[in-house]
Amino acid sequence: MNDERIEQLLRKAPRSPAPAGLLEKLRTDIALPRRVETRPMNATEAVPFFRRWFPAISFSVIFLACILAIAVQTNQIAELKHENATLQTSAQNLEQLRRDNAEYQRLKAAHEELERLRRDFAELQQLRTEVAQLQTQAQEMEKLRAESQQLLAASRQQRQSSADADFFSRNDDALAKARAKAESLACVNNLKQIGLAARIYANDQGDVFPASFVAMSNVLSTPKLLICPGDKARAAAHNWQEFGPANVSYEFLNPGGSETNPYVLLTRCPVHGNVGLSDGSVWQGVGLGRSFTIAVKDGKQIFTPLNPPANASPFE
């Protein structure tokens, strides 16, 4: 017997009636909700005024708050833009002020250098005047010496006393001292002009001194300044084309250096012992009642004065 046959037999079987009272029992067990009768109400009377307009009022408040926040932010953005523009303008003005300050400092340094060169030039003029006076005195002393020699010859012929001879001898000593002083001052004048030329060269070459005397020939007026008047063994060159090692008396001690340490020796005269410093000043080696020492440091010769007189120029 298959499943289809079984199903047909079940369909043909008689249905059993439902138990009595089943429907009432089910109605009793199942509690259905009672129907509540409601009467229609007026919506205006049922909902309060605030409750009815609360959504619209809330939306309006939120909308106004958003507008206020946007206005505040817009105002802040405008202020920030204005401050940014002000700062940019200030930055441009600051950069211009920096450039102006740098130019002012450069002009100030150039002015100070010019004033120092003017003072050096005035000192050179004073030295030249003193040298000219001493040369005039030397010439007068030469004349006096010639006259004294003539007088001495005449006195010898006339058999004058030995006291007169001593007088003329003292005149010869005074003449020699005057000549030596004139030569020393002329040497100082030469060293001053060499120092001035070296500083002018350094001012045009990044504050670096020339490597030799020949290197600053364009700012040194003549090679004759390189011969000390007391150096009788050397002759001065008439021009730079004829210049050579035999035409210079002075030593150049700070080639390629700078004026950072003004006490570094720049030049020196081996005849008189005069020294020129890197700041342009010149000190005489003898005859001033003062002394100095020279020490070597880092390959440079350093000048140190010993008890220099107060308020006195080093080349006086």
Foldseek 3Di string as FASTA:
>chain_A
DDPVVVVVVVVPDDDDDDDPPPVVVVVVVDDDDDDDDDDDDDPPVPDDPCRVCVVVVVVVVVVVVVVVVVVVVVVVVVVVVVVVVVVVVVVVVVVVVVVVVVVVVVVVVVVVVVVLLVVLVVVLVVLVVVLVVLVVVLVVLVVVLVVLVVVVVVCVVVVHDVVSVVVSVVSVVVSVVSVVVSLLSLLQSLLLLQLSLQQVVCVVVVQWGAQDPLRSLVSRPAQQSQDRPPPPPADADGHPVPDDPRHGQKDAFRHRHGCPPQQFWGIAGPPQGWTATNSSAIATCDDPPWHWDWDADPNTIGIGTDPDDPPDGRSD
